Amino acid sequence: MREGELQSVLKTLRKGGIDVVAIHHHMTHEEPRLIFLHYWGRGEAKRLAETVKQALPAPAS
């Protein structure tokens, strides 16, 4: 996700019971800055998938 979307994604994942275990980026000086997450969730696969879907920002058009 873009750096500005990070807090919203984190809140949604945590609210859905998914733990974020790492936040990082792969490149330096890129525009826009892209952030990568590692996350861990336990429970019903459908519920976890729905939480991840809700957390992901809509694609830019």
N, C-alpha and C. Protein backbone atom coordinates (compact mmCIF):
# COMPACT_ATOMS: atom_id res chain seq x y z
N MET A 1 0.83 -1.14 0.00
CA MET A 1 0.00 0.00 0.00
C MET A 1 0.89 1.22 0.00
N ARG A 2 0.26 2.39 -0.27
CA ARG A 2 1.00 3.66 -0.17
C ARG A 2 1.15 4.03 1.30
N GLU A 3 2.20 4.76 1.58
CA GLU A 3 2.51 5.11 2.96
C GLU A 3 1.32 5.79 3.66
N GLY A 4 0.60 6.64 2.97
CA GLY A 4 -0.53 7.35 3.56
C GLY A 4 -1.72 6.45 3.88
N GLU A 5 -1.74 5.25 3.37
CA GLU A 5 -2.84 4.31 3.62
C GLU A 5 -2.55 3.37 4.79
N LEU A 6 -1.35 3.43 5.32
CA LEU A 6 -0.90 2.46 6.32
C LEU A 6 -1.78 2.41 7.55
N GLN A 7 -2.07 3.53 8.17
CA GLN A 7 -2.81 3.52 9.43
C GLN A 7 -4.21 2.94 9.27
N SER A 8 -4.87 3.27 8.20
CA SER A 8 -6.21 2.72 7.95
C SER A 8 -6.17 1.20 7.78
N VAL A 9 -5.18 0.72 7.05
CA VAL A 9 -5.04 -0.73 6.85
C VAL A 9 -4.75 -1.42 8.17
N LEU A 10 -3.83 -0.87 8.96
CA LEU A 10 -3.50 -1.46 10.26
C LEU A 10 -4.72 -1.55 11.16
N LYS A 11 -5.49 -0.49 11.24
CA LYS A 11 -6.68 -0.47 12.09
C LYS A 11 -7.68 -1.54 11.66
N THR A 12 -7.90 -1.66 10.35
CA THR A 12 -8.87 -2.64 9.86
C THR A 12 -8.40 -4.07 10.13
N LEU A 13 -7.13 -4.34 9.90
CA LEU A 13 -6.61 -5.69 10.15
C LEU A 13 -6.73 -6.04 11.63
N ARG A 14 -6.30 -5.14 12.49
CA ARG A 14 -6.35 -5.41 13.93
C ARG A 14 -7.78 -5.59 14.42
N LYS A 15 -8.68 -4.78 13.89
CA LYS A 15 -10.10 -4.90 14.27
C LYS A 15 -10.66 -6.27 13.88
N GLY A 16 -10.16 -6.82 12.77
CA GLY A 16 -10.61 -8.13 12.30
C GLY A 16 -9.84 -9.29 12.91
N GLY A 17 -8.98 -9.01 13.89
CA GLY A 17 -8.27 -10.09 14.57
C GLY A 17 -7.01 -10.55 13.87
N ILE A 18 -6.48 -9.74 12.97
CA ILE A 18 -5.25 -10.10 12.27
C ILE A 18 -4.11 -9.27 12.85
N ASP A 19 -3.04 -9.95 13.26
CA ASP A 19 -1.88 -9.28 13.83
C ASP A 19 -0.87 -8.92 12.74
N VAL A 20 -0.35 -7.71 12.80
CA VAL A 20 0.70 -7.28 11.88
C VAL A 20 2.03 -7.58 12.56
N VAL A 21 2.89 -8.34 11.89
CA VAL A 21 4.15 -8.74 12.51
C VAL A 21 5.36 -8.02 11.94
N ALA A 22 5.20 -7.35 10.78
CA ALA A 22 6.30 -6.57 10.21
C ALA A 22 5.74 -5.52 9.26
N ILE A 23 6.38 -4.37 9.26
CA ILE A 23 6.06 -3.28 8.34
C ILE A 23 7.40 -2.82 7.77
N HIS A 24 7.49 -2.79 6.42
CA HIS A 24 8.78 -2.40 5.82
C HIS A 24 8.58 -1.91 4.39
N HIS A 25 9.66 -1.47 3.79
CA HIS A 25 9.65 -1.11 2.37
C HIS A 25 10.88 -1.75 1.73
N HIS A 26 10.86 -1.91 0.41
CA HIS A 26 11.93 -2.59 -0.30
C HIS A 26 12.85 -1.64 -1.05
N MET A 27 12.38 -0.45 -1.33
CA MET A 27 13.15 0.46 -2.16
C MET A 27 13.43 1.75 -1.40
N THR A 28 14.36 2.52 -1.89
CA THR A 28 14.64 3.82 -1.29
C THR A 28 14.30 4.91 -2.30
N HIS A 29 13.77 5.99 -1.81
CA HIS A 29 13.48 7.19 -2.61
C HIS A 29 12.44 6.97 -3.69
N GLU A 30 11.58 5.96 -3.57
CA GLU A 30 10.55 5.76 -4.59
C GLU A 30 9.39 6.72 -4.32
N GLU A 31 8.69 7.06 -5.35
CA GLU A 31 7.50 7.91 -5.26
C GLU A 31 6.39 7.26 -6.05
N PRO A 32 5.26 6.99 -5.46
CA PRO A 32 4.98 7.14 -4.04
C PRO A 32 5.68 6.02 -3.25
N ARG A 33 5.88 6.27 -1.98
CA ARG A 33 6.50 5.26 -1.11
C ARG A 33 5.52 4.11 -0.92
N LEU A 34 5.98 2.90 -1.17
CA LEU A 34 5.15 1.69 -1.01
C LEU A 34 5.58 0.94 0.23
N ILE A 35 4.59 0.51 1.01
CA ILE A 35 4.82 -0.17 2.28
C ILE A 35 4.33 -1.62 2.15
N PHE A 36 5.08 -2.53 2.72
CA PHE A 36 4.75 -3.95 2.71
C PHE A 36 4.48 -4.42 4.14
N LEU A 37 3.54 -5.34 4.28
CA LEU A 37 3.19 -5.89 5.59
C LEU A 37 3.37 -7.40 5.60
N HIS A 38 3.72 -7.91 6.76
CA HIS A 38 3.62 -9.34 7.05
C HIS A 38 2.57 -9.43 8.16
N TYR A 39 1.63 -10.31 8.00
CA TYR A 39 0.55 -10.39 8.99
C TYR A 39 0.24 -11.84 9.30
N TRP A 40 -0.45 -12.03 10.44
CA TRP A 40 -0.76 -13.37 10.92
C TRP A 40 -2.19 -13.38 11.44
N GLY A 41 -2.98 -14.30 10.95
CA GLY A 41 -4.34 -14.43 11.45
C GLY A 41 -4.69 -15.88 11.67
N ARG A 42 -5.53 -16.10 12.65
CA ARG A 42 -6.01 -17.45 12.93
C ARG A 42 -7.53 -17.40 12.97
N GLY A 43 -8.15 -18.44 12.45
CA GLY A 43 -9.60 -18.50 12.48
C GLY A 43 -10.15 -18.97 11.15
N GLU A 44 -11.41 -18.72 10.97
CA GLU A 44 -12.11 -19.15 9.76
C GLU A 44 -11.51 -18.41 8.55
N ALA A 45 -11.13 -19.18 7.53
CA ALA A 45 -10.48 -18.61 6.35
C ALA A 45 -11.33 -17.54 5.68
N LYS A 46 -12.63 -17.78 5.60
CA LYS A 46 -13.51 -16.81 4.94
C LYS A 46 -13.51 -15.48 5.69
N ARG A 47 -13.58 -15.51 7.00
CA ARG A 47 -13.59 -14.28 7.80
C ARG A 47 -12.26 -13.54 7.66
N LEU A 48 -11.15 -14.28 7.70
CA LEU A 48 -9.84 -13.67 7.55
C LEU A 48 -9.70 -13.02 6.17
N ALA A 49 -10.15 -13.73 5.14
CA ALA A 49 -10.08 -13.18 3.78
C ALA A 49 -10.92 -11.92 3.64
N GLU A 50 -12.10 -11.92 4.25
CA GLU A 50 -12.95 -10.73 4.20
C GLU A 50 -12.29 -9.55 4.90
N THR A 51 -11.61 -9.80 6.01
CA THR A 51 -10.91 -8.74 6.72
C THR A 51 -9.79 -8.16 5.86
N VAL A 52 -9.01 -9.02 5.23
CA VAL A 52 -7.92 -8.54 4.37
C VAL A 52 -8.49 -7.74 3.20
N LYS A 53 -9.57 -8.22 2.61
CA LYS A 53 -10.19 -7.49 1.50
C LYS A 53 -10.66 -6.11 1.95
N GLN A 54 -11.27 -6.02 3.12
CA GLN A 54 -11.72 -4.72 3.63
C GLN A 54 -10.55 -3.79 3.89
N ALA A 55 -9.43 -4.34 4.31
CA ALA A 55 -8.27 -3.52 4.68
C ALA A 55 -7.55 -2.95 3.48
N LEU A 56 -7.59 -3.68 2.35
CA LEU A 56 -6.83 -3.22 1.20
C LEU A 56 -7.45 -2.00 0.56
N PRO A 57 -6.63 -1.00 0.27
CA PRO A 57 -7.13 0.20 -0.40
C PRO A 57 -7.65 -0.14 -1.79
N ALA A 58 -8.64 0.62 -2.23
CA ALA A 58 -9.15 0.45 -3.59
C ALA A 58 -8.06 0.83 -4.58
N PRO A 59 -7.94 0.11 -5.69
CA PRO A 59 -6.92 0.46 -6.70
C PRO A 59 -7.09 1.88 -7.21
N ALA A 60 -5.99 2.56 -7.40
CA ALA A 60 -6.03 3.91 -7.96
C ALA A 60 -6.43 3.83 -9.42
N SER A 61 -7.27 4.76 -9.84
CA SER A 61 -7.68 4.73 -11.25
C SER A 61 -6.97 5.78 -12.05
